[in-house]
């Protein structure tokens, strides 16, 4: 009987405590790494302008792209995909292509006080005239054929909303420019256009104080 008992004791499986401790340490280390990664992953989905957005234009999710970025405490200052309603948002401040869309640059209603006018092309445009650029609108009357009055500024710092290239038979006229101007200036610009005045757009330069 003593011999049988010894054989059973020798055949019993024995677990090395060091193995158990090793498994616990590896599992704890893996959980710690996972918790650290989760804590560091504080990215936020925000919308980015696919192209330059100008005041007065309405945009929806299809006009924007979504990117995950780390913004920390300032994340609330930018537009998230869920912030864009079904009817879209109205741009109230220029957002250039590739920029995150600040919450302060859009609104649900048009509160810009701007109107859109199109200045027909008369020839090549200055290289600085592109969507988002600021231009001064100069006009000179033509009371008689061949005579031009001294030019004057109709609108200072108008923003370019779009540049429309001419096509077909009008291609020699140059591109037309869609401008955003204060509503109170609209009548003066339309009057100059109706009178056939010579209208030119000059890139606006920031003042020295700026």
N, C-alpha and C. Protein backbone atom coordinates (compact mmCIF):
# COMPACT_ATOMS: atom_id res chain seq x y z
N UNK A 1 0.82 -1.21 0.00
CA UNK A 1 0.00 0.00 0.00
C UNK A 1 0.85 1.25 0.00
N UNK A 2 1.94 1.20 0.66
CA UNK A 2 2.83 2.38 0.71
C UNK A 2 3.42 2.67 -0.64
N UNK A 3 3.68 1.62 -1.42
CA UNK A 3 4.27 1.82 -2.75
C UNK A 3 3.28 2.51 -3.67
N UNK A 4 2.00 2.08 -3.64
CA UNK A 4 0.97 2.69 -4.48
C UNK A 4 0.80 4.18 -4.15
N UNK A 5 0.80 4.54 -2.93
CA UNK A 5 0.65 5.94 -2.52
C UNK A 5 1.79 6.78 -3.04
N UNK A 6 2.98 6.28 -3.03
CA UNK A 6 4.14 7.02 -3.53
C UNK A 6 4.03 7.27 -5.02
N UNK A 7 3.53 6.25 -5.77
CA UNK A 7 3.39 6.42 -7.22
C UNK A 7 2.35 7.49 -7.56
N UNK A 8 1.24 7.52 -6.79
CA UNK A 8 0.23 8.55 -7.05
C UNK A 8 0.77 9.95 -6.79
N UNK A 9 1.56 10.07 -5.77
CA UNK A 9 2.13 11.38 -5.45
C UNK A 9 3.10 11.83 -6.54
N UNK A 10 3.87 10.88 -7.07
CA UNK A 10 4.82 11.23 -8.13
C UNK A 10 4.11 11.60 -9.44
N UNK A 11 2.97 10.97 -9.72
CA UNK A 11 2.27 11.23 -10.98
C UNK A 11 1.38 12.45 -10.95
N UNK A 12 1.11 13.03 -9.79
CA UNK A 12 0.24 14.21 -9.70
C UNK A 12 0.90 15.43 -10.34
N UNK A 13 0.09 16.23 -11.08
CA UNK A 13 0.62 17.44 -11.75
C UNK A 13 0.89 18.52 -10.72
N UNK A 14 2.03 19.15 -10.85
CA UNK A 14 2.40 20.23 -9.93
C UNK A 14 2.65 21.50 -10.74
N UNK A 15 2.03 22.64 -10.35
CA UNK A 15 2.16 23.93 -11.06
C UNK A 15 3.23 24.75 -10.37
N UNK A 16 4.17 25.21 -11.18
CA UNK A 16 5.25 26.03 -10.64
C UNK A 16 4.71 27.42 -10.31
N UNK A 17 4.80 27.88 -9.08
CA UNK A 17 4.29 29.23 -8.72
C UNK A 17 4.92 30.34 -9.55
N UNK A 18 6.16 30.12 -9.99
CA UNK A 18 6.83 31.15 -10.79
C UNK A 18 6.13 31.35 -12.14
N UNK A 19 5.58 30.24 -12.68
CA UNK A 19 4.84 30.34 -13.93
C UNK A 19 3.56 31.16 -13.75
N UNK A 20 2.87 30.93 -12.66
CA UNK A 20 1.64 31.68 -12.39
C UNK A 20 1.94 33.17 -12.24
N UNK A 21 3.01 33.47 -11.50
CA UNK A 21 3.39 34.88 -11.31
C UNK A 21 3.75 35.52 -12.65
N UNK A 22 4.44 34.78 -13.52
CA UNK A 22 4.82 35.31 -14.83
C UNK A 22 3.61 35.64 -15.69
N UNK A 23 2.61 34.72 -15.69
CA UNK A 23 1.39 34.96 -16.48
C UNK A 23 0.66 36.20 -15.97
N UNK A 24 0.57 36.35 -14.66
CA UNK A 24 -0.11 37.51 -14.07
C UNK A 24 0.61 38.79 -14.44
N UNK A 25 1.95 38.78 -14.41
CA UNK A 25 2.71 39.98 -14.76
C UNK A 25 2.53 40.36 -16.23
N UNK A 26 2.53 39.37 -17.12
CA UNK A 26 2.35 39.65 -18.55
C UNK A 26 0.96 40.22 -18.81
N UNK A 27 -0.07 39.62 -18.19
CA UNK A 27 -1.44 40.11 -18.39
C UNK A 27 -1.59 41.53 -17.85
N UNK A 28 -1.00 41.77 -16.67
CA UNK A 28 -1.07 43.11 -16.10
C UNK A 28 -0.38 44.14 -16.97
N UNK A 29 0.77 43.75 -17.55
CA UNK A 29 1.49 44.67 -18.42
C UNK A 29 0.69 45.00 -19.66
N UNK A 30 0.03 43.97 -20.25
CA UNK A 30 -0.78 44.20 -21.46
C UNK A 30 -1.95 45.12 -21.16
N UNK A 31 -2.60 44.89 -20.02
CA UNK A 31 -3.72 45.76 -19.64
C UNK A 31 -3.25 47.19 -19.40
N UNK A 32 -2.07 47.35 -18.82
CA UNK A 32 -1.54 48.68 -18.57
C UNK A 32 -1.25 49.43 -19.86
N UNK A 33 -0.67 48.73 -20.83
CA UNK A 33 -0.39 49.36 -22.13
C UNK A 33 -1.69 49.77 -22.81
N UNK A 34 -2.69 48.88 -22.77
CA UNK A 34 -3.98 49.20 -23.40
C UNK A 34 -4.62 50.43 -22.75
N UNK A 35 -4.58 50.48 -21.41
CA UNK A 35 -5.16 51.63 -20.70
C UNK A 35 -4.42 52.91 -21.04
N UNK A 36 -3.09 52.83 -21.21
CA UNK A 36 -2.30 54.02 -21.54
C UNK A 36 -2.65 54.52 -22.94
N UNK A 37 -2.78 53.60 -23.89
CA UNK A 37 -3.12 53.99 -25.27
C UNK A 37 -4.50 54.63 -25.31
N UNK A 38 -5.46 54.04 -24.57
CA UNK A 38 -6.80 54.61 -24.54
C UNK A 38 -6.79 56.01 -23.94
N UNK A 39 -5.96 56.22 -22.92
CA UNK A 39 -5.90 57.53 -22.27
C UNK A 39 -5.29 58.58 -23.19
N UNK A 40 -4.33 58.15 -24.02
CA UNK A 40 -3.67 59.10 -24.91
C UNK A 40 -4.46 59.37 -26.17
N UNK A 41 -5.38 58.50 -26.53
CA UNK A 41 -6.16 58.66 -27.76
C UNK A 41 -7.31 59.63 -27.52
N UNK A 42 -6.99 60.92 -27.53
CA UNK A 42 -8.00 61.95 -27.27
C UNK A 42 -8.33 62.71 -28.54
N UNK A 43 -8.29 62.01 -29.69
CA UNK A 43 -8.59 62.67 -30.96
C UNK A 43 -10.08 62.99 -31.06
N UNK A 44 -10.39 64.02 -31.84
CA UNK A 44 -11.77 64.46 -32.05
C UNK A 44 -12.03 64.57 -33.54
N UNK A 45 -13.19 64.09 -33.99
CA UNK A 45 -13.58 64.24 -35.39
C UNK A 45 -14.10 65.65 -35.62
N UNK A 46 -13.46 66.39 -36.53
CA UNK A 46 -13.89 67.74 -36.87
C UNK A 46 -13.95 67.85 -38.39
N UNK A 47 -14.63 68.89 -38.88
CA UNK A 47 -14.75 69.07 -40.33
C UNK A 47 -13.68 70.04 -40.82
N UNK A 48 -13.24 69.79 -42.04
CA UNK A 48 -12.19 70.59 -42.68
C UNK A 48 -12.73 71.10 -44.01
N UNK A 49 -12.38 72.34 -44.35
CA UNK A 49 -12.84 72.92 -45.62
C UNK A 49 -12.14 72.25 -46.79
N UNK A 50 -12.91 71.67 -47.69
CA UNK A 50 -12.34 71.04 -48.89
C UNK A 50 -11.86 72.09 -49.88
N UNK A 51 -12.50 73.25 -49.86
CA UNK A 51 -12.11 74.39 -50.70
C UNK A 51 -12.37 75.65 -49.89
N UNK A 52 -11.90 76.79 -50.38
CA UNK A 52 -12.08 78.03 -49.65
C UNK A 52 -13.56 78.36 -49.50
N UNK A 53 -13.98 78.60 -48.27
CA UNK A 53 -15.37 78.94 -47.97
C UNK A 53 -15.46 80.44 -47.71
N UNK A 54 -16.34 81.12 -48.40
CA UNK A 54 -16.46 82.56 -48.28
C UNK A 54 -17.79 82.94 -47.63
N UNK A 55 -17.84 84.09 -46.96
CA UNK A 55 -19.06 84.52 -46.27
C UNK A 55 -20.28 84.54 -47.19
N UNK A 56 -21.39 84.09 -46.66
CA UNK A 56 -22.63 84.07 -47.42
C UNK A 56 -22.92 82.75 -48.09
N UNK A 57 -21.90 81.91 -48.27
CA UNK A 57 -22.14 80.62 -48.91
C UNK A 57 -22.67 79.62 -47.90
N UNK A 58 -23.47 78.69 -48.38
CA UNK A 58 -24.04 77.66 -47.51
C UNK A 58 -23.34 76.33 -47.78
N UNK A 59 -22.96 75.64 -46.72
CA UNK A 59 -22.24 74.37 -46.88
C UNK A 59 -22.93 73.29 -46.06
N UNK A 60 -22.82 72.06 -46.55
CA UNK A 60 -23.31 70.92 -45.77
C UNK A 60 -22.18 69.90 -45.64
N UNK A 61 -22.47 68.76 -45.07
CA UNK A 61 -21.42 67.77 -44.80
C UNK A 61 -20.72 67.33 -46.08
N UNK A 62 -21.46 67.26 -47.19
CA UNK A 62 -20.86 66.82 -48.45
C UNK A 62 -19.82 67.81 -48.97
N UNK A 63 -19.88 69.06 -48.53
CA UNK A 63 -18.92 70.07 -48.97
C UNK A 63 -17.67 70.08 -48.08
N UNK A 64 -17.65 69.25 -47.07
CA UNK A 64 -16.56 69.24 -46.11
C UNK A 64 -15.98 67.84 -46.00
N UNK A 65 -14.81 67.74 -45.42
CA UNK A 65 -14.26 66.42 -45.13
C UNK A 65 -13.99 66.31 -43.63
N UNK A 66 -13.96 65.09 -43.15
CA UNK A 66 -13.83 64.84 -41.72
C UNK A 66 -12.43 64.32 -41.43
N UNK A 67 -11.81 64.86 -40.40
CA UNK A 67 -10.49 64.40 -39.97
C UNK A 67 -10.48 64.25 -38.45
N UNK A 68 -9.70 63.30 -37.97
CA UNK A 68 -9.52 63.10 -36.52
C UNK A 68 -8.23 63.76 -36.10
N UNK A 69 -8.33 64.72 -35.21
CA UNK A 69 -7.16 65.48 -34.77
C UNK A 69 -7.18 65.62 -33.25
N UNK A 70 -5.99 65.87 -32.69
CA UNK A 70 -5.88 66.12 -31.26
C UNK A 70 -5.97 67.62 -31.02
N UNK A 71 -7.02 68.04 -30.36
CA UNK A 71 -7.24 69.47 -30.10
C UNK A 71 -7.25 69.79 -28.61
N UNK A 72 -7.32 68.78 -27.77
CA UNK A 72 -7.31 69.03 -26.34
C UNK A 72 -8.49 69.87 -25.88
N UNK A 73 -8.20 70.88 -25.09
CA UNK A 73 -9.25 71.71 -24.49
C UNK A 73 -9.92 72.65 -25.49
N UNK A 74 -9.32 72.84 -26.69
CA UNK A 74 -9.92 73.77 -27.66
C UNK A 74 -10.83 73.04 -28.65
N UNK A 75 -11.08 71.76 -28.43
CA UNK A 75 -11.90 70.99 -29.38
C UNK A 75 -13.28 71.60 -29.56
N UNK A 76 -13.82 72.20 -28.50
CA UNK A 76 -15.15 72.79 -28.60
C UNK A 76 -15.23 74.01 -29.49
N UNK A 77 -14.10 74.54 -29.92
CA UNK A 77 -14.09 75.72 -30.78
C UNK A 77 -14.17 75.40 -32.25
N UNK A 78 -14.30 74.12 -32.60
CA UNK A 78 -14.34 73.72 -34.00
C UNK A 78 -15.59 72.89 -34.29
N UNK A 79 -15.99 72.89 -35.55
CA UNK A 79 -17.24 72.23 -35.95
C UNK A 79 -17.01 70.73 -36.10
N UNK A 80 -17.88 69.95 -35.46
CA UNK A 80 -17.86 68.50 -35.60
C UNK A 80 -18.92 68.09 -36.64
N UNK A 81 -18.78 66.91 -37.22
CA UNK A 81 -19.78 66.47 -38.21
C UNK A 81 -21.21 66.53 -37.68
N UNK A 82 -21.40 66.19 -36.40
CA UNK A 82 -22.74 66.20 -35.82
C UNK A 82 -23.29 67.62 -35.63
N UNK A 83 -22.42 68.63 -35.74
CA UNK A 83 -22.87 70.02 -35.58
C UNK A 83 -23.51 70.58 -36.85
N UNK A 84 -23.34 69.89 -37.97
CA UNK A 84 -23.87 70.38 -39.25
C UNK A 84 -25.30 69.88 -39.43
N UNK A 85 -26.30 70.76 -39.41
CA UNK A 85 -27.70 70.33 -39.56
C UNK A 85 -28.01 69.90 -40.99
N UNK A 86 -29.17 69.32 -41.17
CA UNK A 86 -29.58 68.84 -42.50
C UNK A 86 -29.58 69.97 -43.53
N UNK A 87 -29.95 71.18 -43.11
CA UNK A 87 -30.00 72.30 -44.04
C UNK A 87 -28.67 72.98 -44.26
N UNK A 88 -27.62 72.48 -43.64
CA UNK A 88 -26.31 73.07 -43.80
C UNK A 88 -26.08 74.29 -42.92
N UNK A 89 -24.94 74.90 -43.07
CA UNK A 89 -24.57 76.09 -42.30
C UNK A 89 -24.16 77.21 -43.25
N UNK A 90 -24.33 78.44 -42.80
CA UNK A 90 -23.93 79.61 -43.60
C UNK A 90 -22.57 80.09 -43.10
N UNK A 91 -21.67 80.29 -44.03
CA UNK A 91 -20.33 80.78 -43.69
C UNK A 91 -20.40 82.28 -43.40
N UNK A 92 -19.88 82.69 -42.26
CA UNK A 92 -19.90 84.10 -41.89
C UNK A 92 -18.49 84.69 -41.86
N UNK A 93 -17.48 83.82 -41.97
CA UNK A 93 -16.10 84.29 -41.99
C UNK A 93 -15.29 83.34 -42.84
N UNK A 94 -14.39 83.87 -43.65
CA UNK A 94 -13.64 83.06 -44.60
C UNK A 94 -12.87 81.93 -43.93
N UNK A 95 -12.98 80.74 -44.51
CA UNK A 95 -12.18 79.58 -44.09
C UNK A 95 -11.46 79.07 -45.32
N UNK A 96 -10.15 79.07 -45.30
CA UNK A 96 -9.38 78.66 -46.47
C UNK A 96 -9.33 77.14 -46.60
N UNK A 97 -9.09 76.68 -47.82
CA UNK A 97 -9.04 75.25 -48.10
C UNK A 97 -8.01 74.57 -47.21
N UNK A 98 -8.40 73.44 -46.63
CA UNK A 98 -7.50 72.68 -45.77
C UNK A 98 -7.52 73.08 -44.32
N UNK A 99 -8.25 74.13 -43.97
CA UNK A 99 -8.31 74.58 -42.58
C UNK A 99 -9.45 73.91 -41.83
N UNK A 100 -9.24 73.69 -40.52
CA UNK A 100 -10.35 73.26 -39.68
C UNK A 100 -11.40 74.37 -39.65
N UNK A 101 -12.66 73.99 -39.59
CA UNK A 101 -13.74 74.99 -39.62
C UNK A 101 -14.04 75.44 -38.19
N UNK A 102 -13.70 76.68 -37.83
CA UNK A 102 -14.01 77.17 -36.48
C UNK A 102 -15.52 77.34 -36.32
N UNK A 103 -16.00 77.08 -35.12
CA UNK A 103 -17.42 77.24 -34.85
C UNK A 103 -17.86 78.68 -35.07
N UNK A 104 -16.97 79.64 -34.82
CA UNK A 104 -17.32 81.06 -34.97
C UNK A 104 -17.41 81.49 -36.43
N UNK A 105 -17.00 80.62 -37.36
CA UNK A 105 -17.00 81.01 -38.77
C UNK A 105 -18.28 80.61 -39.50
N UNK A 106 -19.20 79.95 -38.81
CA UNK A 106 -20.45 79.51 -39.44
C UNK A 106 -21.63 79.82 -38.53
N UNK A 107 -22.80 79.87 -39.14
CA UNK A 107 -24.03 80.12 -38.39
C UNK A 107 -25.17 79.41 -39.12
N UNK A 108 -26.29 79.26 -38.44
CA UNK A 108 -27.43 78.60 -39.08
C UNK A 108 -28.21 79.56 -39.97
N UNK A 109 -28.04 80.88 -39.76
CA UNK A 109 -28.71 81.88 -40.60
C UNK A 109 -27.68 82.85 -41.17
N UNK A 110 -28.02 83.47 -42.29
CA UNK A 110 -27.13 84.43 -42.92
C UNK A 110 -27.20 85.75 -42.16
N UNK A 111 -26.15 86.04 -41.43
CA UNK A 111 -26.08 87.28 -40.66
C UNK A 111 -24.89 88.13 -41.09
N UNK A 112 -24.42 87.91 -42.31
CA UNK A 112 -23.22 88.59 -42.76
C UNK A 112 -23.47 90.03 -43.21
N UNK A 113 -24.71 90.33 -43.64
CA UNK A 113 -24.99 91.66 -44.16
C UNK A 113 -24.31 91.93 -45.49
N UNK A 114 -24.01 90.86 -46.23
CA UNK A 114 -23.31 90.98 -47.50
C UNK A 114 -24.23 90.61 -48.66
N UNK A 115 -23.93 91.19 -49.81
CA UNK A 115 -24.63 90.85 -51.04
C UNK A 115 -23.60 90.37 -52.06
N UNK A 116 -24.08 89.60 -53.03
CA UNK A 116 -23.19 89.06 -54.06
C UNK A 116 -23.43 89.76 -55.37
N UNK A 117 -22.36 90.25 -55.98
CA UNK A 117 -22.45 90.85 -57.31
C UNK A 117 -21.38 90.22 -58.19
N UNK A 118 -21.64 90.21 -59.48
CA UNK A 118 -20.70 89.64 -60.44
C UNK A 118 -20.15 90.75 -61.31
N UNK A 119 -18.85 90.87 -61.32
CA UNK A 119 -18.18 91.87 -62.16
C UNK A 119 -17.72 91.18 -63.43
N UNK A 120 -18.28 91.55 -64.58
CA UNK A 120 -17.88 90.89 -65.83
C UNK A 120 -16.40 91.12 -66.12
N UNK A 121 -15.78 90.12 -66.73
CA UNK A 121 -14.36 90.22 -67.04
C UNK A 121 -14.09 91.16 -68.19
N UNK A 122 -12.99 91.92 -68.06
CA UNK A 122 -12.57 92.81 -69.16
C UNK A 122 -11.20 92.39 -69.69
N UNK A 123 -10.58 91.42 -69.06
CA UNK A 123 -9.25 91.00 -69.45
C UNK A 123 -8.64 90.15 -68.35
N UNK A 124 -7.35 89.86 -68.45
CA UNK A 124 -6.69 89.03 -67.44
C UNK A 124 -6.77 89.66 -66.06
N UNK A 125 -6.82 88.81 -65.06
CA UNK A 125 -6.87 89.27 -63.67
C UNK A 125 -5.48 89.21 -63.05
N UNK A 126 -5.30 90.03 -62.03
CA UNK A 126 -4.06 89.96 -61.26
C UNK A 126 -3.96 88.60 -60.59
N UNK A 127 -2.75 88.10 -60.44
CA UNK A 127 -2.56 86.77 -59.88
C UNK A 127 -3.08 86.61 -58.47
N UNK A 128 -3.18 87.73 -57.73
CA UNK A 128 -3.64 87.66 -56.34
C UNK A 128 -5.15 87.52 -56.22
N UNK A 129 -5.87 87.69 -57.32
CA UNK A 129 -7.34 87.66 -57.26
C UNK A 129 -7.81 86.21 -57.36
N UNK A 130 -8.22 85.68 -56.21
CA UNK A 130 -8.67 84.30 -56.10
C UNK A 130 -9.69 84.25 -54.97
N UNK A 131 -10.49 83.17 -54.87
CA UNK A 131 -11.46 83.07 -53.78
C UNK A 131 -10.81 83.31 -52.42
N UNK A 132 -11.44 84.19 -51.64
CA UNK A 132 -10.91 84.52 -50.33
C UNK A 132 -10.07 85.78 -50.30
N UNK A 133 -9.64 86.25 -51.47
CA UNK A 133 -8.81 87.45 -51.53
C UNK A 133 -9.67 88.70 -51.38
N UNK A 134 -9.04 89.78 -50.94
CA UNK A 134 -9.72 91.07 -50.81
C UNK A 134 -9.29 91.99 -51.93
N UNK A 135 -10.26 92.70 -52.51
CA UNK A 135 -9.97 93.61 -53.61
C UNK A 135 -10.70 94.93 -53.41
N UNK A 136 -10.15 95.98 -53.99
CA UNK A 136 -10.84 97.27 -54.06
C UNK A 136 -11.50 97.38 -55.43
N UNK A 137 -12.75 97.83 -55.44
CA UNK A 137 -13.48 97.98 -56.70
C UNK A 137 -13.37 99.44 -57.14
N UNK A 138 -12.68 99.64 -58.26
CA UNK A 138 -12.50 100.98 -58.84
C UNK A 138 -13.42 101.12 -60.04
N UNK A 139 -13.99 102.30 -60.20
CA UNK A 139 -14.87 102.56 -61.35
C UNK A 139 -14.57 103.93 -61.92
N UNK A 140 -14.66 104.01 -63.25
CA UNK A 140 -14.47 105.28 -63.96
C UNK A 140 -15.55 105.39 -65.02
N UNK A 141 -16.26 106.49 -65.02
CA UNK A 141 -17.33 106.69 -66.00
C UNK A 141 -16.79 107.05 -67.37
N UNK A 142 -17.60 106.78 -68.39
CA UNK A 142 -17.26 107.13 -69.77
C UNK A 142 -18.37 108.01 -70.34
N UNK A 143 -18.36 109.31 -70.02
CA UNK A 143 -19.43 110.20 -70.50
C UNK A 143 -19.44 110.36 -72.01
N UNK A 144 -18.27 110.28 -72.62
CA UNK A 144 -18.17 110.39 -74.07
C UNK A 144 -17.23 109.31 -74.59
N UNK A 145 -17.43 108.93 -75.85
CA UNK A 145 -16.59 107.90 -76.42
C UNK A 145 -15.13 108.36 -76.41
N UNK A 146 -14.27 107.54 -75.86
CA UNK A 146 -12.84 107.86 -75.83
C UNK A 146 -12.43 108.66 -74.62
N UNK A 147 -13.38 109.15 -73.83
CA UNK A 147 -13.05 109.94 -72.64
C UNK A 147 -13.43 109.16 -71.40
N UNK A 148 -12.56 109.19 -70.41
CA UNK A 148 -12.81 108.46 -69.17
C UNK A 148 -12.61 109.40 -67.99
N UNK A 149 -13.57 109.39 -67.10
CA UNK A 149 -13.46 110.22 -65.91
C UNK A 149 -12.41 109.65 -64.95
N UNK A 150 -11.90 110.45 -64.03
CA UNK A 150 -10.96 109.94 -63.04
C UNK A 150 -11.61 108.80 -62.24
N UNK A 151 -10.88 107.70 -62.04
CA UNK A 151 -11.47 106.57 -61.31
C UNK A 151 -11.63 106.88 -59.82
N UNK A 152 -12.57 106.19 -59.21
CA UNK A 152 -12.82 106.33 -57.77
C UNK A 152 -13.14 104.95 -57.21
N UNK A 153 -12.89 104.77 -55.94
CA UNK A 153 -13.15 103.50 -55.29
C UNK A 153 -14.63 103.39 -54.92
N UNK A 154 -15.29 102.38 -55.44
CA UNK A 154 -16.69 102.14 -55.08
C UNK A 154 -16.79 101.31 -53.80
N UNK A 155 -15.95 100.29 -53.69
CA UNK A 155 -15.98 99.40 -52.53
C UNK A 155 -14.54 99.08 -52.14
N UNK A 156 -14.24 99.21 -50.88
CA UNK A 156 -12.91 98.85 -50.39
C UNK A 156 -12.98 97.49 -49.69
N UNK A 157 -11.99 96.65 -49.96
CA UNK A 157 -11.89 95.38 -49.26
C UNK A 157 -13.03 94.41 -49.52
N UNK A 158 -13.52 94.38 -50.76
CA UNK A 158 -14.55 93.38 -51.10
C UNK A 158 -13.89 92.01 -51.20
N UNK A 159 -14.61 91.00 -50.79
CA UNK A 159 -14.04 89.65 -50.81
C UNK A 159 -14.45 88.89 -52.06
N UNK A 160 -13.48 88.19 -52.65
CA UNK A 160 -13.75 87.39 -53.85
C UNK A 160 -14.37 86.07 -53.42
N UNK A 161 -15.60 85.82 -53.91
CA UNK A 161 -16.29 84.56 -53.61
C UNK A 161 -15.96 83.49 -54.63
N UNK A 162 -15.80 83.88 -55.89
CA UNK A 162 -15.50 82.91 -56.94
C UNK A 162 -14.96 83.64 -58.16
N UNK A 163 -14.19 82.92 -58.94
CA UNK A 163 -13.70 83.42 -60.23
C UNK A 163 -14.23 82.47 -61.29
N UNK A 164 -15.00 83.02 -62.22
CA UNK A 164 -15.66 82.21 -63.25
C UNK A 164 -14.97 82.44 -64.57
N UNK A 165 -14.31 81.41 -65.07
CA UNK A 165 -13.59 81.53 -66.33
C UNK A 165 -14.58 81.65 -67.49
N UNK A 166 -14.26 82.54 -68.41
CA UNK A 166 -15.10 82.70 -69.60
C UNK A 166 -14.88 81.53 -70.54
N UNK A 167 -15.92 81.19 -71.28
CA UNK A 167 -15.78 80.11 -72.26
C UNK A 167 -16.49 80.49 -73.55
N UNK A 168 -16.26 79.71 -74.55
CA UNK A 168 -16.90 79.95 -75.83
C UNK A 168 -16.44 81.25 -76.48
N UNK A 169 -17.39 81.97 -77.08
CA UNK A 169 -17.08 83.19 -77.83
C UNK A 169 -16.66 84.33 -76.91
N UNK A 170 -16.98 84.24 -75.60
CA UNK A 170 -16.66 85.32 -74.68
C UNK A 170 -15.33 85.09 -73.96
N UNK A 171 -14.56 84.07 -74.39
CA UNK A 171 -13.33 83.74 -73.69
C UNK A 171 -12.33 84.88 -73.72
N UNK A 172 -12.38 85.75 -74.74
CA UNK A 172 -11.44 86.85 -74.83
C UNK A 172 -11.73 87.95 -73.82
N UNK A 173 -12.92 87.91 -73.21
CA UNK A 173 -13.30 88.95 -72.27
C UNK A 173 -12.63 88.77 -70.92
N UNK A 174 -12.09 87.59 -70.65
CA UNK A 174 -11.48 87.33 -69.35
C UNK A 174 -12.50 86.81 -68.36
N UNK A 175 -12.03 86.30 -67.24
CA UNK A 175 -12.95 85.72 -66.24
C UNK A 175 -13.78 86.77 -65.52
N UNK A 176 -14.99 86.38 -65.14
CA UNK A 176 -15.82 87.23 -64.30
C UNK A 176 -15.52 86.92 -62.83
N UNK A 177 -15.78 87.89 -61.98
CA UNK A 177 -15.45 87.73 -60.57
C UNK A 177 -16.71 87.95 -59.74
N UNK A 178 -17.01 86.99 -58.89
CA UNK A 178 -18.14 87.09 -57.97
C UNK A 178 -17.63 87.69 -56.66
N UNK A 179 -18.20 88.84 -56.30
CA UNK A 179 -17.74 89.56 -55.11
C UNK A 179 -18.79 89.59 -54.01
N UNK A 180 -18.30 89.64 -52.78
CA UNK A 180 -19.17 89.85 -51.63
C UNK A 180 -18.95 91.28 -51.15
N UNK A 181 -20.02 92.07 -51.19
CA UNK A 181 -19.90 93.47 -50.82
C UNK A 181 -20.96 93.82 -49.78
N UNK A 182 -20.75 94.87 -49.00
CA UNK A 182 -21.80 95.31 -48.06
C UNK A 182 -23.08 95.66 -48.82
N UNK A 183 -24.21 95.31 -48.26
CA UNK A 183 -25.48 95.52 -48.96
C UNK A 183 -25.71 96.99 -49.30
N UNK A 184 -25.22 97.89 -48.45
CA UNK A 184 -25.43 99.31 -48.72
C UNK A 184 -24.63 99.81 -49.91
N UNK A 185 -23.65 99.02 -50.37
CA UNK A 185 -22.85 99.39 -51.54
C UNK A 185 -23.41 98.80 -52.83
N UNK A 186 -24.40 97.94 -52.71
CA UNK A 186 -24.90 97.22 -53.88
C UNK A 186 -25.44 98.17 -54.94
N UNK A 187 -26.22 99.15 -54.54
CA UNK A 187 -26.84 100.06 -55.51
C UNK A 187 -25.78 100.78 -56.33
N UNK A 188 -24.72 101.25 -55.69
CA UNK A 188 -23.68 102.00 -56.40
C UNK A 188 -22.97 101.12 -57.42
N UNK A 189 -22.70 99.86 -57.05
CA UNK A 189 -22.01 98.96 -57.97
C UNK A 189 -22.92 98.61 -59.15
N UNK A 190 -24.19 98.31 -58.87
CA UNK A 190 -25.11 97.96 -59.95
C UNK A 190 -25.34 99.15 -60.89
N UNK A 191 -25.36 100.34 -60.31
CA UNK A 191 -25.53 101.54 -61.14
C UNK A 191 -24.34 101.72 -62.08
N UNK A 192 -23.14 101.48 -61.56
CA UNK A 192 -21.94 101.60 -62.40
C UNK A 192 -21.94 100.54 -63.50
N UNK A 193 -22.38 99.33 -63.16
CA UNK A 193 -22.44 98.28 -64.18
C UNK A 193 -23.46 98.64 -65.26
N UNK A 194 -24.63 99.12 -64.85
CA UNK A 194 -25.67 99.47 -65.81
C UNK A 194 -25.25 100.62 -66.71
N UNK A 195 -24.44 101.54 -66.18
CA UNK A 195 -24.00 102.69 -66.96
C UNK A 195 -22.84 102.35 -67.89
N UNK A 196 -22.32 101.16 -67.77
CA UNK A 196 -21.20 100.76 -68.62
C UNK A 196 -19.88 101.37 -68.18
N UNK A 197 -19.76 101.74 -66.92
CA UNK A 197 -18.50 102.31 -66.43
C UNK A 197 -17.38 101.27 -66.51
N UNK A 198 -16.16 101.80 -66.61
CA UNK A 198 -14.99 100.92 -66.60
C UNK A 198 -14.74 100.52 -65.14
N UNK A 199 -14.81 99.22 -64.87
CA UNK A 199 -14.63 98.71 -63.51
C UNK A 199 -13.42 97.80 -63.46
N UNK A 200 -12.53 98.07 -62.54
CA UNK A 200 -11.34 97.25 -62.35
C UNK A 200 -11.24 96.82 -60.90
N UNK A 201 -10.65 95.66 -60.70
CA UNK A 201 -10.44 95.12 -59.36
C UNK A 201 -8.95 95.15 -59.05
N UNK A 202 -8.62 95.76 -57.94
CA UNK A 202 -7.24 95.90 -57.53
C UNK A 202 -7.05 95.19 -56.20
N UNK A 203 -6.08 94.25 -56.12
CA UNK A 203 -5.87 93.56 -54.84
C UNK A 203 -5.66 94.56 -53.71
N UNK A 204 -6.40 94.37 -52.63
CA UNK A 204 -6.29 95.25 -51.48
C UNK A 204 -5.04 94.89 -50.67
N UNK A 205 -4.28 95.91 -50.29
CA UNK A 205 -3.08 95.67 -49.50
C UNK A 205 -3.33 96.03 -48.06
N UNK A 206 -2.87 95.22 -47.12
CA UNK A 206 -3.05 95.58 -45.71
C UNK A 206 -2.29 96.86 -45.37
N UNK A 207 -2.86 97.62 -44.47
CA UNK A 207 -2.20 98.87 -44.08
C UNK A 207 -0.98 98.57 -43.24
N UNK A 208 -0.11 99.57 -43.06
CA UNK A 208 1.10 99.41 -42.28
C UNK A 208 0.78 99.07 -40.85
N UNK A 209 -0.35 99.64 -40.32
CA UNK A 209 -0.74 99.42 -38.94
C UNK A 209 -1.11 97.96 -38.69
N UNK A 210 -1.58 97.23 -39.77
CA UNK A 210 -1.98 95.84 -39.60
C UNK A 210 -0.77 94.95 -39.39
